[in-house]
C-alpha atoms as a PDB file:
ATOM      1  CA  MET A   1     110.333 120.894 120.791  1.00  0.00           C
ATOM      2  CA  ASN A   2     111.604 124.550 121.283  1.00  0.00           C
ATOM      3  CA  ASN A   3     111.723 126.726 118.202  1.00  0.00           C
ATOM      4  CA  GLY A   4     115.449 127.373 118.875  1.00  0.00           C
ATOM      5  CA  ARG A   5     116.177 123.620 118.716  1.00  0.00           C
ATOM      6  CA  ILE A   6     114.324 123.305 115.433  1.00  0.00           C
ATOM      7  CA  TRP A   7     116.425 126.059 113.822  1.00  0.00           C
ATOM      8  CA  ILE A   8     119.628 124.467 115.161  1.00  0.00           C
ATOM      9  CA  VAL A   9     118.678 121.052 113.711  1.00  0.00           C
ATOM     10  CA  MET A  10     117.779 122.646 110.334  1.00  0.00           C
ATOM     11  CA  ALA A  11     121.103 124.528 110.294  1.00  0.00           C
ATOM     12  CA  VAL A  12     122.995 121.377 111.062  1.00  0.00           C
ATOM     13  CA  ALA A  13     121.190 119.490 108.322  1.00  0.00           C
ATOM     14  CA  VAL A  14     121.867 122.235 105.717  1.00  0.00           C
ATOM     15  CA  VAL A  15     125.571 122.313 106.660  1.00  0.00           C
ATOM     16  CA  ALA A  16     125.785 118.570 106.524  1.00  0.00           C
ATOM     17  CA  ILE A  17     124.217 118.430 103.059  1.00  0.00           C
ATOM     18  CA  TRP A  18     126.582 121.220 101.944  1.00  0.00           C
ATOM     19  CA  LEU A  19     129.860 119.339 103.260  1.00  0.00           C
ATOM     20  CA  VAL A  20     128.727 115.842 102.127  1.00  0.00           C
ATOM     21  CA  GLY A  21     127.666 117.266  98.707  1.00  0.00           C
ATOM     22  CA  ALA A  22     131.127 118.856  98.339  1.00  0.00           C
ATOM     23  CA  ALA A  23     132.801 115.667  99.446  1.00  0.00           C
ATOM     24  CA  VAL A  24     130.901 113.409  96.960  1.00  0.00           C
ATOM     25  CA  THR A  25     130.815 115.643  93.940  1.00  0.00           C
ATOM     26  CA  LYS A  26     133.373 117.436  91.922  1.00  0.00           C
ATOM     27  CA  TYR A  27     132.428 120.786  93.317  1.00  0.00           C
ATOM     28  CA  SER A  28     134.398 122.893  95.719  1.00  0.00           C
ATOM     29  CA  LEU A  29     132.982 124.139  98.955  1.00  0.00           C
ATOM     30  CA  GLU A  30     132.380 127.517  97.334  1.00  0.00           C
ATOM     31  CA  GLN A  31     130.590 126.027  94.311  1.00  0.00           C
ATOM     32  CA  MET A  32     128.566 123.650  96.440  1.00  0.00           C
ATOM     33  CA  ALA A  33     127.452 126.601  98.456  1.00  0.00           C
ATOM     34  CA  TYR A  34     125.586 127.801  95.446  1.00  0.00           C
ATOM     35  CA  TYR A  35     123.944 124.366  94.831  1.00  0.00           C
ATOM     36  CA  THR A  36     123.035 123.605  98.480  1.00  0.00           C
ATOM     37  CA  PRO A  37     119.475 125.080  98.246  1.00  0.00           C
ATOM     38  CA  ILE A  38     118.808 122.883  95.277  1.00  0.00           C
ATOM     39  CA  ALA A  39     120.220 119.916  97.049  1.00  0.00           C
ATOM     40  CA  VAL A  40     118.125 120.497 100.109  1.00  0.00           C
ATOM     41  CA  ILE A  41     114.906 120.732  97.979  1.00  0.00           C
ATOM     42  CA  VAL A  42     115.829 117.593  96.011  1.00  0.00           C
ATOM     43  CA  LEU A  43     116.765 115.636  99.176  1.00  0.00           C
ATOM     44  CA  GLY A  44     113.479 116.738 100.777  1.00  0.00           C
ATOM     45  CA  ALA A  45     111.310 115.790  97.897  1.00  0.00           C
ATOM     46  CA  THR A  46     113.101 112.457  97.589  1.00  0.00           C
ATOM     47  CA  VAL A  47     112.431 111.668 101.375  1.00  0.00           C
ATOM     48  CA  ALA A  48     108.804 112.849 100.995  1.00  0.00           C
ATOM     49  CA  ILE A  49     108.242 110.491  98.009  1.00  0.00           C
ATOM     50  CA  VAL A  50     109.833 107.541  99.819  1.00  0.00           C
ATOM     51  CA  LEU A  51     107.745 108.172 102.907  1.00  0.00           C
ATOM     52  CA  LEU A  52     104.600 108.458 100.810  1.00  0.00           C
ATOM     53  CA  TRP A  53     105.259 105.162  99.104  1.00  0.00           C
ATOM     54  CA  VAL A  54     106.101 103.410 102.366  1.00  0.00           C
ATOM     55  CA  LYS A  55     102.768 104.536 103.762  1.00  0.00           C
ATOM     56  CA  VAL A  56     100.932 103.444 100.576  1.00  0.00           C
ATOM     57  CA  VAL A  57     102.561  99.930 100.823  1.00  0.00           C
ATOM     58  CA  LEU A  58     101.885  99.583 104.581  1.00  0.00           C
ATOM     59  CA  ASP A  59      98.206 100.628 104.119  1.00  0.00           C
ATOM     60  CA  SER A  60      97.907  98.043 101.241  1.00  0.00           C
ATOM     61  CA  LEU A  61      99.371  95.348 103.378  1.00  0.00           C
ATOM     62  CA  ARG A  62      97.107  96.267 106.272  1.00  0.00           C
ATOM     63  CA  ARG A  63      94.031  96.063 104.062  1.00  0.00           C
ATOM     64  CA  ARG A  64      95.008  92.693 102.657  1.00  0.00           C
ATOM     65  CA  ARG A  65      95.315  91.221 106.123  1.00  0.00           C
ATOM     66  CA  GLN A  66      91.930  92.453 107.060  1.00  0.00           C
ATOM     67  CA  GLU A  67      90.051  91.049 104.031  1.00  0.00           C
ATOM     68  CA  PRO A  68      88.595  87.570 104.454  1.00  0.00           C
END
């Protein structure tokens, strides 16, 4: 993937988090602009934890199938 494309995807993701966050919370667009960096970190950490647990569960299921 080209570096320019990565930057565009990241920018679109941040703008989406900003707009969706403003739509589902009581904050205005201006207020949500201050909280967007926190929202990006929290969302990223949540996704990372979910992916970690999915990997743990899948590995556990694979090991169970391989045991006699």
